[in-house]
PDB file of all heavy atoms in Angstrom:
ATOM      1  N   PRO A   1     -35.449 -16.076 -32.234  1.00  0.00           N
ATOM      2  CA  PRO A   1     -34.219 -15.458 -31.714  1.00  0.00           C
ATOM      3  C   PRO A   1     -34.377 -14.842 -30.326  1.00  0.00           C
ATOM      4  O   PRO A   1     -33.367 -14.506 -29.689  1.00  0.00           O
ATOM      5  CB  PRO A   1     -33.926 -14.360 -32.755  1.00  0.00           C
ATOM      6  CG  PRO A   1     -34.630 -14.795 -33.989  1.00  0.00           C
ATOM      7  CD  PRO A   1     -35.874 -15.482 -33.506  1.00  0.00           C
ATOM      8  N   SER A   2     -35.610 -14.697 -29.835  1.00  0.00           N
ATOM      9  CA  SER A   2     -35.815 -14.091 -28.512  1.00  0.00           C
ATOM     10  C   SER A   2     -35.768 -15.108 -27.373  1.00  0.00           C
ATOM     11  O   SER A   2     -36.015 -14.756 -26.218  1.00  0.00           O
ATOM     12  CB  SER A   2     -37.163 -13.355 -28.478  1.00  0.00           C
ATOM     13  OG  SER A   2     -38.248 -14.271 -28.536  1.00  0.00           O
ATOM     14  N   GLN A   3     -35.423 -16.349 -27.670  1.00  0.00           N
ATOM     15  CA  GLN A   3     -35.334 -17.384 -26.637  1.00  0.00           C
ATOM     16  C   GLN A   3     -34.043 -17.219 -25.837  1.00  0.00           C
ATOM     17  O   GLN A   3     -33.012 -17.813 -26.141  1.00  0.00           O
ATOM     18  CB  GLN A   3     -35.403 -18.773 -27.277  1.00  0.00           C
ATOM     19  CG  GLN A   3     -36.771 -19.159 -27.800  1.00  0.00           C
ATOM     20  CD  GLN A   3     -37.753 -19.411 -26.670  1.00  0.00           C
ATOM     21  OE1 GLN A   3     -37.407 -20.004 -25.642  1.00  0.00           O
ATOM     22  NE2 GLN A   3     -38.985 -18.973 -26.845  1.00  0.00           N
ATOM     23  N   VAL A   4     -34.126 -16.412 -24.785  1.00  0.00           N
ATOM     24  CA  VAL A   4     -32.935 -16.092 -23.990  1.00  0.00           C
ATOM     25  C   VAL A   4     -32.360 -17.335 -23.315  1.00  0.00           C
ATOM     26  O   VAL A   4     -31.140 -17.482 -23.194  1.00  0.00           O
ATOM     27  CB  VAL A   4     -33.273 -15.016 -22.935  1.00  0.00           C
ATOM     28  CG1 VAL A   4     -32.066 -14.741 -22.046  1.00  0.00           C
ATOM     29  CG2 VAL A   4     -33.725 -13.737 -23.616  1.00  0.00           C
ATOM     30  N   SER A   5     -33.236 -18.241 -22.870  1.00  0.00           N
ATOM     31  CA  SER A   5     -32.740 -19.468 -22.214  1.00  0.00           C
ATOM     32  C   SER A   5     -31.846 -20.266 -23.154  1.00  0.00           C
ATOM     33  O   SER A   5     -30.824 -20.813 -22.738  1.00  0.00           O
ATOM     34  CB  SER A   5     -33.920 -20.325 -21.752  1.00  0.00           C
ATOM     35  OG  SER A   5     -34.597 -19.702 -20.686  1.00  0.00           O
ATOM     36  N   ALA A   6     -32.247 -20.337 -24.425  1.00  0.00           N
ATOM     37  CA  ALA A   6     -31.428 -21.062 -25.403  1.00  0.00           C
ATOM     38  C   ALA A   6     -30.098 -20.347 -25.606  1.00  0.00           C
ATOM     39  O   ALA A   6     -29.047 -20.989 -25.711  1.00  0.00           O
ATOM     40  CB  ALA A   6     -32.181 -21.184 -26.729  1.00  0.00           C
ATOM     41  N   SER A   7     -30.133 -19.016 -25.648  1.00  0.00           N
ATOM     42  CA  SER A   7     -28.892 -18.238 -25.801  1.00  0.00           C
ATOM     43  C   SER A   7     -27.960 -18.478 -24.619  1.00  0.00           C
ATOM     44  O   SER A   7     -26.750 -18.681 -24.795  1.00  0.00           O
ATOM     45  CB  SER A   7     -29.220 -16.747 -25.903  1.00  0.00           C
ATOM     46  OG  SER A   7     -29.986 -16.476 -27.051  1.00  0.00           O
ATOM     47  N   HIS A   8     -28.518 -18.458 -23.417  1.00  0.00           N
ATOM     48  CA  HIS A   8     -27.714 -18.657 -22.213  1.00  0.00           C
ATOM     49  C   HIS A   8     -27.067 -20.043 -22.219  1.00  0.00           C
ATOM     50  O   HIS A   8     -25.867 -20.193 -21.936  1.00  0.00           O
ATOM     51  CB  HIS A   8     -28.616 -18.486 -20.989  1.00  0.00           C
ATOM     52  CG  HIS A   8     -27.863 -18.397 -19.705  1.00  0.00           C
ATOM     53  ND1 HIS A   8     -28.474 -18.291 -18.478  1.00  0.00           N
ATOM     54  CD2 HIS A   8     -26.522 -18.415 -19.431  1.00  0.00           C
ATOM     55  CE1 HIS A   8     -27.566 -18.235 -17.532  1.00  0.00           C
ATOM     56  NE2 HIS A   8     -26.379 -18.306 -18.082  1.00  0.00           N
ATOM     57  N   ARG A   9     -27.839 -21.048 -22.556  1.00  0.00           N
ATOM     58  CA  ARG A   9     -27.313 -22.418 -22.554  1.00  0.00           C
ATOM     59  C   ARG A   9     -26.285 -22.616 -23.666  1.00  0.00           C
ATOM     60  O   ARG A   9     -25.293 -23.336 -23.489  1.00  0.00           O
ATOM     61  CB  ARG A   9     -28.465 -23.407 -22.689  1.00  0.00           C
ATOM     62  CG  ARG A   9     -29.406 -23.375 -21.494  1.00  0.00           C
ATOM     63  CD  ARG A   9     -30.626 -24.246 -21.689  1.00  0.00           C
ATOM     64  NE  ARG A   9     -31.652 -23.934 -20.695  1.00  0.00           N
ATOM     65  CZ  ARG A   9     -32.792 -24.594 -20.573  1.00  0.00           C
ATOM     66  NH1 ARG A   9     -33.060 -25.621 -21.362  1.00  0.00           N
ATOM     67  NH2 ARG A   9     -33.670 -24.242 -19.646  1.00  0.00           N
ATOM     68  N   LEU A  10     -26.538 -21.978 -24.804  1.00  0.00           N
ATOM     69  CA  LEU A  10     -25.586 -22.065 -25.900  1.00  0.00           C
ATOM     70  C   LEU A  10     -24.267 -21.391 -25.511  1.00  0.00           C
ATOM     71  O   LEU A  10     -23.180 -21.907 -25.812  1.00  0.00           O
ATOM     72  CB  LEU A  10     -26.169 -21.413 -27.153  1.00  0.00           C
ATOM     73  CG  LEU A  10     -25.330 -21.471 -28.431  1.00  0.00           C
ATOM     74  CD1 LEU A  10     -25.009 -22.920 -28.821  1.00  0.00           C
ATOM     75  CD2 LEU A  10     -26.072 -20.774 -29.576  1.00  0.00           C
ATOM     76  N   ALA A  11     -24.361 -20.275 -24.830  1.00  0.00           N
ATOM     77  CA  ALA A  11     -23.154 -19.583 -24.365  1.00  0.00           C
ATOM     78  C   ALA A  11     -22.360 -20.459 -23.405  1.00  0.00           C
ATOM     79  O   ALA A  11     -21.118 -20.504 -23.462  1.00  0.00           O
ATOM     80  CB  ALA A  11     -23.542 -18.268 -23.687  1.00  0.00           C
ATOM     81  N   LYS A  12     -23.046 -21.161 -22.534  1.00  0.00           N
ATOM     82  CA  LYS A  12     -22.366 -22.075 -21.600  1.00  0.00           C
ATOM     83  C   LYS A  12     -21.619 -23.169 -22.352  1.00  0.00           C
ATOM     84  O   LYS A  12     -20.513 -23.567 -21.956  1.00  0.00           O
ATOM     85  CB  LYS A  12     -23.380 -22.699 -20.646  1.00  0.00           C
ATOM     86  CG  LYS A  12     -23.900 -21.757 -19.572  1.00  0.00           C
ATOM     87  CD  LYS A  12     -24.860 -22.488 -18.638  1.00  0.00           C
ATOM     88  CE  LYS A  12     -25.331 -21.589 -17.511  1.00  0.00           C
ATOM     89  NZ  LYS A  12     -26.276 -22.290 -16.596  1.00  0.00           N
ATOM     90  N   ILE A  13     -22.221 -23.661 -23.427  1.00  0.00           N
ATOM     91  CA  ILE A  13     -21.555 -24.697 -24.231  1.00  0.00           C
ATOM     92  C   ILE A  13     -20.277 -24.133 -24.854  1.00  0.00           C
ATOM     93  O   ILE A  13     -19.213 -24.772 -24.832  1.00  0.00           O
ATOM     94  CB  ILE A  13     -22.516 -25.233 -25.318  1.00  0.00           C
ATOM     95  CG1 ILE A  13     -23.625 -26.066 -24.666  1.00  0.00           C
ATOM     96  CG2 ILE A  13     -21.751 -26.079 -26.345  1.00  0.00           C
ATOM     97  CD1 ILE A  13     -24.719 -26.504 -25.621  1.00  0.00           C
ATOM     98  N   TYR A  14     -20.373 -22.924 -25.412  1.00  0.00           N
ATOM     99  CA  TYR A  14     -19.185 -22.313 -26.023  1.00  0.00           C
ATOM    100  C   TYR A  14     -18.082 -22.083 -24.979  1.00  0.00           C
ATOM    101  O   TYR A  14     -16.901 -22.280 -25.267  1.00  0.00           O
ATOM    102  CB  TYR A  14     -19.545 -20.990 -26.693  1.00  0.00           C
ATOM    103  CG  TYR A  14     -20.214 -21.162 -28.039  1.00  0.00           C
ATOM    104  CD1 TYR A  14     -21.375 -20.472 -28.365  1.00  0.00           C
ATOM    105  CD2 TYR A  14     -19.664 -22.011 -29.002  1.00  0.00           C
ATOM    106  CE1 TYR A  14     -21.984 -20.623 -29.603  1.00  0.00           C
ATOM    107  CE2 TYR A  14     -20.251 -22.174 -30.249  1.00  0.00           C
ATOM    108  CZ  TYR A  14     -21.425 -21.473 -30.541  1.00  0.00           C
ATOM    109  OH  TYR A  14     -22.020 -21.636 -31.762  1.00  0.00           O
ATOM    110  N   LEU A  15     -18.490 -21.708 -23.760  1.00  0.00           N
ATOM    111  CA  LEU A  15     -17.492 -21.535 -22.702  1.00  0.00           C
ATOM    112  C   LEU A  15     -16.826 -22.859 -22.354  1.00  0.00           C
ATOM    113  O   LEU A  15     -15.605 -22.918 -22.138  1.00  0.00           O
ATOM    114  CB  LEU A  15     -18.145 -20.929 -21.459  1.00  0.00           C
ATOM    115  CG  LEU A  15     -18.459 -19.434 -21.518  1.00  0.00           C
ATOM    116  CD1 LEU A  15     -19.239 -19.010 -20.282  1.00  0.00           C
ATOM    117  CD2 LEU A  15     -17.176 -18.610 -21.637  1.00  0.00           C
ATOM    118  N   ALA A  16     -17.624 -23.915 -22.303  1.00  0.00           N
ATOM    119  CA  ALA A  16     -17.081 -25.249 -22.012  1.00  0.00           C
ATOM    120  C   ALA A  16     -16.131 -25.698 -23.117  1.00  0.00           C
ATOM    121  O   ALA A  16     -15.188 -26.451 -22.859  1.00  0.00           O
ATOM    122  CB  ALA A  16     -18.217 -26.252 -21.853  1.00  0.00           C
ATOM    123  N   GLN A  17     -16.386 -25.219 -24.346  1.00  0.00           N
ATOM    124  CA  GLN A  17     -15.526 -25.557 -25.475  1.00  0.00           C
ATOM    125  C   GLN A  17     -14.376 -24.553 -25.633  1.00  0.00           C
ATOM    126  O   GLN A  17     -13.673 -24.572 -26.638  1.00  0.00           O
ATOM    127  CB  GLN A  17     -16.358 -25.597 -26.759  1.00  0.00           C
ATOM    128  CG  GLN A  17     -17.381 -26.720 -26.786  1.00  0.00           C
ATOM    129  CD  GLN A  17     -18.244 -26.705 -28.042  1.00  0.00           C
ATOM    130  OE1 GLN A  17     -18.541 -25.645 -28.614  1.00  0.00           O
ATOM    131  NE2 GLN A  17     -18.652 -27.888 -28.487  1.00  0.00           N
ATOM    132  N   LYS A  18     -14.240 -23.681 -24.604  1.00  0.00           N
ATOM    133  CA  LYS A  18     -13.165 -22.661 -24.596  1.00  0.00           C
ATOM    134  C   LYS A  18     -13.263 -21.731 -25.810  1.00  0.00           C
ATOM    135  O   LYS A  18     -12.267 -21.420 -26.478  1.00  0.00           O
ATOM    136  CB  LYS A  18     -11.783 -23.326 -24.520  1.00  0.00           C
ATOM    137  CG  LYS A  18     -11.605 -24.214 -23.292  1.00  0.00           C
ATOM    138  CD  LYS A  18     -10.199 -24.724 -23.160  1.00  0.00           C
ATOM    139  CE  LYS A  18     -10.057 -25.695 -21.988  1.00  0.00           C
ATOM    140  NZ  LYS A  18     -10.507 -25.132 -20.692  1.00  0.00           N
ATOM    141  N   GLN A  19     -14.487 -21.292 -26.076  1.00  0.00           N
ATOM    142  CA  GLN A  19     -14.737 -20.329 -27.147  1.00  0.00           C
ATOM    143  C   GLN A  19     -15.485 -19.121 -26.562  1.00  0.00           C
ATOM    144  O   GLN A  19     -16.662 -18.894 -26.870  1.00  0.00           O
ATOM    145  CB  GLN A  19     -15.548 -20.965 -28.269  1.00  0.00           C
ATOM    146  CG  GLN A  19     -14.877 -22.170 -28.919  1.00  0.00           C
ATOM    147  CD  GLN A  19     -15.699 -22.745 -30.056  1.00  0.00           C
ATOM    148  OE1 GLN A  19     -15.819 -22.140 -31.129  1.00  0.00           O
ATOM    149  NE2 GLN A  19     -16.273 -23.916 -29.831  1.00  0.00           N
ATOM    150  N   PRO A  20     -14.821 -18.338 -25.703  1.00  0.00           N
ATOM    151  CA  PRO A  20     -15.488 -17.225 -25.020  1.00  0.00           C
ATOM    152  C   PRO A  20     -16.007 -16.143 -25.973  1.00  0.00           C
ATOM    153  O   PRO A  20     -17.011 -15.488 -25.675  1.00  0.00           O
ATOM    154  CB  PRO A  20     -14.411 -16.666 -24.088  1.00  0.00           C
ATOM    155  CG  PRO A  20     -13.120 -17.121 -24.685  1.00  0.00           C
ATOM    156  CD  PRO A  20     -13.403 -18.437 -25.309  1.00  0.00           C
ATOM    157  N   ASP A  21     -15.323 -15.951 -27.111  1.00  0.00           N
ATOM    158  CA  ASP A  21     -15.766 -14.929 -28.062  1.00  0.00           C
ATOM    159  C   ASP A  21     -17.149 -15.276 -28.623  1.00  0.00           C
ATOM    160  O   ASP A  21     -18.010 -14.395 -28.764  1.00  0.00           O
ATOM    161  CB  ASP A  21     -14.761 -14.792 -29.208  1.00  0.00           C
ATOM    162  CG  ASP A  21     -13.441 -14.169 -28.748  1.00  0.00           C
ATOM    163  OD1 ASP A  21     -13.438 -13.582 -27.640  1.00  0.00           O
ATOM    164  OD2 ASP A  21     -12.448 -14.283 -29.473  1.00  0.00           O
ATOM    165  N   LYS A  22     -17.361 -16.565 -28.917  1.00  0.00           N
ATOM    166  CA  LYS A  22     -18.665 -16.990 -29.426  1.00  0.00           C
ATOM    167  C   LYS A  22     -19.728 -16.876 -28.336  1.00  0.00           C
ATOM    168  O   LYS A  22     -20.871 -16.494 -28.605  1.00  0.00           O
ATOM    169  CB  LYS A  22     -18.593 -18.428 -29.948  1.00  0.00           C
ATOM    170  CG  LYS A  22     -17.856 -18.569 -31.269  1.00  0.00           C
ATOM    171  CD  LYS A  22     -17.973 -19.989 -31.814  1.00  0.00           C
ATOM    172  CE  LYS A  22     -17.308 -20.096 -33.178  1.00  0.00           C
ATOM    173  NZ  LYS A  22     -17.420 -21.474 -33.747  1.00  0.00           N
ATOM    174  N   ALA A  23     -19.344 -17.215 -27.116  1.00  0.00           N
ATOM    175  CA  ALA A  23     -20.284 -17.098 -26.000  1.00  0.00           C
ATOM    176  C   ALA A  23     -20.710 -15.642 -25.822  1.00  0.00           C
ATOM    177  O   ALA A  23     -21.903 -15.343 -25.638  1.00  0.00           O
ATOM    178  CB  ALA A  23     -19.641 -17.611 -24.720  1.00  0.00           C
ATOM    179  N   GLU A  24     -19.742 -14.734 -25.898  1.00  0.00           N
ATOM    180  CA  GLU A  24     -20.039 -13.306 -25.750  1.00  0.00           C
ATOM    181  C   GLU A  24     -20.974 -12.833 -26.858  1.00  0.00           C
ATOM    182  O   GLU A  24     -21.943 -12.099 -26.610  1.00  0.00           O
ATOM    183  CB  GLU A  24     -18.738 -12.501 -25.788  1.00  0.00           C
ATOM    184  CG  GLU A  24     -18.955 -11.007 -25.635  1.00  0.00           C
ATOM    185  CD  GLU A  24     -17.646 -10.226 -25.723  1.00  0.00           C
ATOM    186  OE1 GLU A  24     -16.603 -10.837 -26.057  1.00  0.00           O
ATOM    187  OE2 GLU A  24     -17.676  -9.008 -25.469  1.00  0.00           O
ATOM    188  N   GLN A  25     -20.725 -13.253 -28.081  1.00  0.00           N
ATOM    189  CA  GLN A  25     -21.547 -12.815 -29.209  1.00  0.00           C
ATOM    190  C   GLN A  25     -22.981 -13.323 -29.085  1.00  0.00           C
ATOM    191  O   GLN A  25     -23.934 -12.592 -29.367  1.00  0.00           O
ATOM    192  CB  GLN A  25     -20.932 -13.311 -30.526  1.00  0.00           C
ATOM    193  CG  GLN A  25     -21.603 -12.725 -31.762  1.00  0.00           C
ATOM    194  CD  GLN A  25     -21.557 -11.211 -31.780  1.00  0.00           C
ATOM    195  OE1 GLN A  25     -20.478 -10.608 -31.668  1.00  0.00           O
ATOM    196  NE2 GLN A  25     -22.718 -10.568 -31.894  1.00  0.00           N
ATOM    197  N   VAL A  26     -23.124 -14.561 -28.626  1.00  0.00           N
ATOM    198  CA  VAL A  26     -24.463 -15.127 -28.444  1.00  0.00           C
ATOM    199  C   VAL A  26     -25.256 -14.310 -27.432  1.00  0.00           C
ATOM    200  O   VAL A  26     -26.432 -13.997 -27.635  1.00  0.00           O
ATOM    201  CB  VAL A  26     -24.370 -16.608 -27.987  1.00  0.00           C
ATOM    202  CG1 VAL A  26     -25.718 -17.091 -27.457  1.00  0.00           C
ATOM    203  CG2 VAL A  26     -23.926 -17.491 -29.135  1.00  0.00           C
ATOM    204  N   LEU A  27     -24.602 -13.933 -26.340  1.00  0.00           N
ATOM    205  CA  LEU A  27     -25.287 -13.180 -25.291  1.00  0.00           C
ATOM    206  C   LEU A  27     -25.570 -11.740 -25.723  1.00  0.00           C
ATOM    207  O   LEU A  27     -26.612 -11.171 -25.380  1.00  0.00           O
ATOM    208  CB  LEU A  27     -24.460 -13.200 -24.005  1.00  0.00           C
ATOM    209  CG  LEU A  27     -24.344 -14.589 -23.359  1.00  0.00           C
ATOM    210  CD1 LEU A  27     -23.373 -14.559 -22.184  1.00  0.00           C
ATOM    211  CD2 LEU A  27     -25.717 -15.086 -22.891  1.00  0.00           C
ATOM    212  N   LYS A  28     -24.659 -11.160 -26.499  1.00  0.00           N
ATOM    213  CA  LYS A  28     -24.902  -9.821 -27.042  1.00  0.00           C
ATOM    214  C   LYS A  28     -26.092  -9.837 -28.005  1.00  0.00           C
ATOM    215  O   LYS A  28     -26.938  -8.924 -27.995  1.00  0.00           O
ATOM    216  CB  LYS A  28     -23.655  -9.297 -27.754  1.00  0.00           C
ATOM    217  CG  LYS A  28     -22.565  -8.804 -26.823  1.00  0.00           C
ATOM    218  CD  LYS A  28     -21.387  -8.256 -27.622  1.00  0.00           C
ATOM    219  CE  LYS A  28     -20.330  -7.653 -26.703  1.00  0.00           C
ATOM    220  NZ  LYS A  28     -19.165  -7.140 -27.482  1.00  0.00           N
ATOM    221  N   ASP A  29     -26.164 -10.877 -28.817  1.00  0.00           N
ATOM    222  CA  ASP A  29     -27.295 -11.019 -29.736  1.00  0.00           C
ATOM    223  C   ASP A  29     -28.602 -11.162 -28.956  1.00  0.00           C
ATOM    224  O   ASP A  29     -29.640 -10.610 -29.347  1.00  0.00           O
ATOM    225  CB  ASP A  29     -27.103 -12.248 -30.636  1.00  0.00           C
ATOM    226  CG  ASP A  29     -25.995 -12.050 -31.658  1.00  0.00           C
ATOM    227  OD1 ASP A  29     -25.587 -10.892 -31.883  1.00  0.00           O
ATOM    228  OD2 ASP A  29     -25.528 -13.069 -32.214  1.00  0.00           O
ATOM    229  N   ALA A  30     -28.529 -11.900 -27.837  1.00  0.00           N
ATOM    230  CA  ALA A  30     -29.721 -12.092 -27.007  1.00  0.00           C
ATOM    231  C   ALA A  30     -30.200 -10.757 -26.439  1.00  0.00           C
ATOM    232  O   ALA A  30     -31.404 -10.471 -26.422  1.00  0.00           O
ATOM    233  CB  ALA A  30     -29.429 -13.072 -25.879  1.00  0.00           C
ATOM    234  N   LEU A  31     -29.255  -9.917 -25.991  1.00  0.00           N
ATOM    235  CA  LEU A  31     -29.623  -8.606 -25.450  1.00  0.00           C
ATOM    236  C   LEU A  31     -30.190  -7.694 -26.530  1.00  0.00           C
ATOM    237  O   LEU A  31     -31.087  -6.885 -26.282  1.00  0.00           O
ATOM    238  CB  LEU A  31     -28.404  -7.942 -24.805  1.00  0.00           C
ATOM    239  CG  LEU A  31     -28.147  -8.291 -23.337  1.00  0.00           C
ATOM    240  CD1 LEU A  31     -26.845  -7.668 -22.862  1.00  0.00           C
ATOM    241  CD2 LEU A  31     -29.307  -7.813 -22.465  1.00  0.00           C
ATOM    242  N   GLN A  32     -29.663  -7.833 -27.736  1.00  0.00           N
ATOM    243  CA  GLN A  32     -30.166  -7.025 -28.844  1.00  0.00           C
ATOM    244  C   GLN A  32     -31.599  -7.431 -29.199  1.00  0.00           C
ATOM    245  O   GLN A  32     -32.442  -6.580 -29.494  1.00  0.00           O
ATOM    246  CB  GLN A  32     -29.258  -7.186 -30.066  1.00  0.00           C
ATOM    247  CG  GLN A  32     -29.637  -6.281 -31.231  1.00  0.00           C
ATOM    248  CD  GLN A  32     -28.691  -6.428 -32.404  1.00  0.00           C
ATOM    249  OE1 GLN A  32     -27.802  -7.263 -32.392  1.00  0.00           O
ATOM    250  NE2 GLN A  32     -28.884  -5.614 -33.421  1.00  0.00           N
ATOM    251  N   LYS A  33     -31.866  -8.744 -29.158  1.00  0.00           N
ATOM    252  CA  LYS A  33     -33.202  -9.239 -29.508  1.00  0.00           C
ATOM    253  C   LYS A  33     -34.204  -9.003 -28.376  1.00  0.00           C
ATOM    254  O   LYS A  33     -35.395  -8.805 -28.614  1.00  0.00           O
ATOM    255  CB  LYS A  33     -33.136 -10.732 -29.827  1.00  0.00           C
ATOM    256  CG  LYS A  33     -32.287 -11.093 -31.029  1.00  0.00           C
ATOM    257  CD  LYS A  33     -32.882 -10.560 -32.316  1.00  0.00           C
ATOM    258  CE  LYS A  33     -32.025 -10.979 -33.515  1.00  0.00           C
ATOM    259  NZ  LYS A  33     -32.554 -10.419 -34.793  1.00  0.00           N
ATOM    260  N   THR A  34     -33.693  -9.062 -27.134  1.00  0.00           N
ATOM    261  CA  THR A  34     -34.585  -8.884 -25.973  1.00  0.00           C
ATOM    262  C   THR A  34     -33.977  -7.844 -25.033  1.00  0.00           C
ATOM    263  O   THR A  34     -33.433  -8.200 -23.977  1.00  0.00           O
ATOM    264  CB  THR A  34     -34.788 -10.217 -25.228  1.00  0.00           C
ATOM    265  OG1 THR A  34     -33.506 -10.741 -24.854  1.00  0.00           O
ATOM    266  CG2 THR A  34     -35.511 -11.216 -26.087  1.00  0.00           C
ATOM    267  N   PRO A  35     -34.052  -6.575 -25.399  1.00  0.00           N
ATOM    268  CA  PRO A  35     -33.462  -5.519 -24.558  1.00  0.00           C
ATOM    269  C   PRO A  35     -34.037  -5.548 -23.135  1.00  0.00           C
ATOM    270  O   PRO A  35     -35.236  -5.716 -22.947  1.00  0.00           O
ATOM    271  CB  PRO A  35     -33.888  -4.235 -25.282  1.00  0.00           C
ATOM    272  CG  PRO A  35     -34.171  -4.648 -26.680  1.00  0.00           C
ATOM    273  CD  PRO A  35     -34.721  -6.048 -26.592  1.00  0.00           C
ATOM    274  N   GLY A  36     -33.157  -5.427 -22.177  1.00  0.00           N
ATOM    275  CA  GLY A  36     -33.610  -5.417 -20.794  1.00  0.00           C
ATOM    276  C   GLY A  36     -33.752  -6.789 -20.170  1.00  0.00           C
ATOM    277  O   GLY A  36     -34.155  -6.896 -19.007  1.00  0.00           O
ATOM    278  N   SER A  37     -33.392  -7.836 -20.900  1.00  0.00           N
ATOM    279  CA  SER A  37     -33.499  -9.185 -20.347  1.00  0.00           C
ATOM    280  C   SER A  37     -32.518  -9.356 -19.184  1.00  0.00           C
ATOM    281  O   SER A  37     -31.306  -9.235 -19.357  1.00  0.00           O
ATOM    282  CB  SER A  37     -33.200 -10.225 -21.429  1.00  0.00           C
ATOM    283  OG  SER A  37     -32.999 -11.501 -20.848  1.00  0.00           O
ATOM    284  N   SER A  38     -33.053  -9.639 -18.004  1.00  0.00           N
ATOM    285  CA  SER A  38     -32.186  -9.799 -16.828  1.00  0.00           C
ATOM    286  C   SER A  38     -31.314 -11.044 -16.954  1.00  0.00           C
ATOM    287  O   SER A  38     -30.151 -11.040 -16.530  1.00  0.00           O
ATOM    288  CB  SER A  38     -33.029  -9.880 -15.553  1.00  0.00           C
ATOM    289  OG  SER A  38     -33.932 -10.964 -15.604  1.00  0.00           O
ATOM    290  N   GLU A  39     -31.856 -12.111 -17.553  1.00  0.00           N
ATOM    291  CA  GLU A  39     -31.084 -13.350 -17.695  1.00  0.00           C
ATOM    292  C   GLU A  39     -29.882 -13.140 -18.602  1.00  0.00           C
ATOM    293  O   GLU A  39     -28.760 -13.546 -18.277  1.00  0.00           O
ATOM    294  CB  GLU A  39     -31.970 -14.473 -18.244  1.00  0.00           C
ATOM    295  CG  GLU A  39     -31.251 -15.815 -18.340  1.00  0.00           C
ATOM    296  CD  GLU A  39     -32.125 -16.937 -18.856  1.00  0.00           C
ATOM    297  OE1 GLU A  39     -33.337 -16.719 -19.058  1.00  0.00           O
ATOM    298  OE2 GLU A  39     -31.589 -18.055 -19.059  1.00  0.00           O
ATOM    299  N   ALA A  40     -30.111 -12.479 -19.742  1.00  0.00           N
ATOM    300  CA  ALA A  40     -29.008 -12.240 -20.674  1.00  0.00           C
ATOM    301  C   ALA A  40     -27.992 -11.270 -20.074  1.00  0.00           C
ATOM    302  O   ALA A  40     -26.779 -11.442 -20.227  1.00  0.00           O
ATOM    303  CB  ALA A  40     -29.552 -11.697 -21.992  1.00  0.00           C
ATOM    304  N   THR A  41     -28.486 -10.249 -19.370  1.00  0.00           N
ATOM    305  CA  THR A  41     -27.593  -9.262 -18.748  1.00  0.00           C
ATOM    306  C   THR A  41     -26.699  -9.913 -17.698  1.00  0.00           C
ATOM    307  O   THR A  41     -25.479  -9.690 -17.663  1.00  0.00           O
ATOM    308  CB  THR A  41     -28.414  -8.131 -18.100  1.00  0.00           C
ATOM    309  OG1 THR A  41     -29.232  -7.504 -19.101  1.00  0.00           O
ATOM    310  CG2 THR A  41     -27.498  -7.087 -17.469  1.00  0.00           C
ATOM    311  N   LYS A  42     -27.305 -10.723 -16.831  1.00  0.00           N
ATOM    312  CA  LYS A  42     -26.535 -11.407 -15.786  1.00  0.00           C
ATOM    313  C   LYS A  42     -25.513 -12.366 -16.390  1.00  0.00           C
ATOM    314  O   LYS A  42     -24.381 -12.471 -15.919  1.00  0.00           O
ATOM    315  CB  LYS A  42     -27.478 -12.163 -14.860  1.00  0.00           C
ATOM    316  CG  LYS A  42     -28.294 -11.269 -13.943  1.00  0.00           C
ATOM    317  CD  LYS A  42     -29.253 -12.095 -13.088  1.00  0.00           C
ATOM    318  CE  LYS A  42     -30.106 -11.204 -12.200  1.00  0.00           C
ATOM    319  NZ  LYS A  42     -31.081 -11.997 -11.400  1.00  0.00           N
ATOM    320  N   ALA A  43     -25.943 -13.084 -17.436  1.00  0.00           N
ATOM    321  CA  ALA A  43     -25.035 -14.047 -18.072  1.00  0.00           C
ATOM    322  C   ALA A  43     -23.840 -13.334 -18.700  1.00  0.00           C
ATOM    323  O   ALA A  43     -22.690 -13.787 -18.575  1.00  0.00           O
ATOM    324  CB  ALA A  43     -25.790 -14.858 -19.120  1.00  0.00           C
ATOM    325  N   LEU A  44     -24.097 -12.209 -19.362  1.00  0.00           N
ATOM    326  CA  LEU A  44     -23.010 -11.462 -20.001  1.00  0.00           C
ATOM    327  C   LEU A  44     -22.092 -10.852 -18.946  1.00  0.00           C
ATOM    328  O   LEU A  44     -20.857 -10.878 -19.090  1.00  0.00           O
ATOM    329  CB  LEU A  44     -23.588 -10.365 -20.896  1.00  0.00           C
ATOM    330  CG  LEU A  44     -22.604  -9.622 -21.808  1.00  0.00           C
ATOM    331  CD1 LEU A  44     -21.874 -10.603 -22.738  1.00  0.00           C
ATOM    332  CD2 LEU A  44     -23.329  -8.560 -22.631  1.00  0.00           C
ATOM    333  N   PHE A  45     -22.683 -10.343 -17.879  1.00  0.00           N
ATOM    334  CA  PHE A  45     -21.879  -9.782 -16.779  1.00  0.00           C
ATOM    335  C   PHE A  45     -21.009 -10.868 -16.152  1.00  0.00           C
ATOM    336  O   PHE A  45     -19.820 -10.656 -15.879  1.00  0.00           O
ATOM    337  CB  PHE A  45     -22.809  -9.173 -15.730  1.00  0.00           C
ATOM    338  CG  PHE A  45     -22.082  -8.522 -14.594  1.00  0.00           C
ATOM    339  CD1 PHE A  45     -21.349  -7.360 -14.783  1.00  0.00           C
ATOM    340  CD2 PHE A  45     -22.127  -9.060 -13.319  1.00  0.00           C
ATOM    341  CE1 PHE A  45     -20.666  -6.749 -13.726  1.00  0.00           C
ATOM    342  CE2 PHE A  45     -21.458  -8.464 -12.253  1.00  0.00           C
ATOM    343  CZ  PHE A  45     -20.726  -7.308 -12.468  1.00  0.00           C
ATOM    344  N   GLY A  46     -21.572 -12.054 -15.970  1.00  0.00           N
ATOM    345  CA  GLY A  46     -20.813 -13.171 -15.415  1.00  0.00           C
ATOM    346  C   GLY A  46     -19.670 -13.582 -16.322  1.00  0.00           C
ATOM    347  O   GLY A  46     -18.591 -13.949 -15.851  1.00  0.00           O
TER     348      GLY A  46
END
């Protein structure tokens, strides 16, 4: 679950499928599993 790259890419897929709520949840889960992750933080901010 700490694979932030997989979370980021999965979130992009959900966005492409017009499912922003799922994308947000994936990135929130990533931040919970890896607190302080710059990649997850930037992706969620974006």
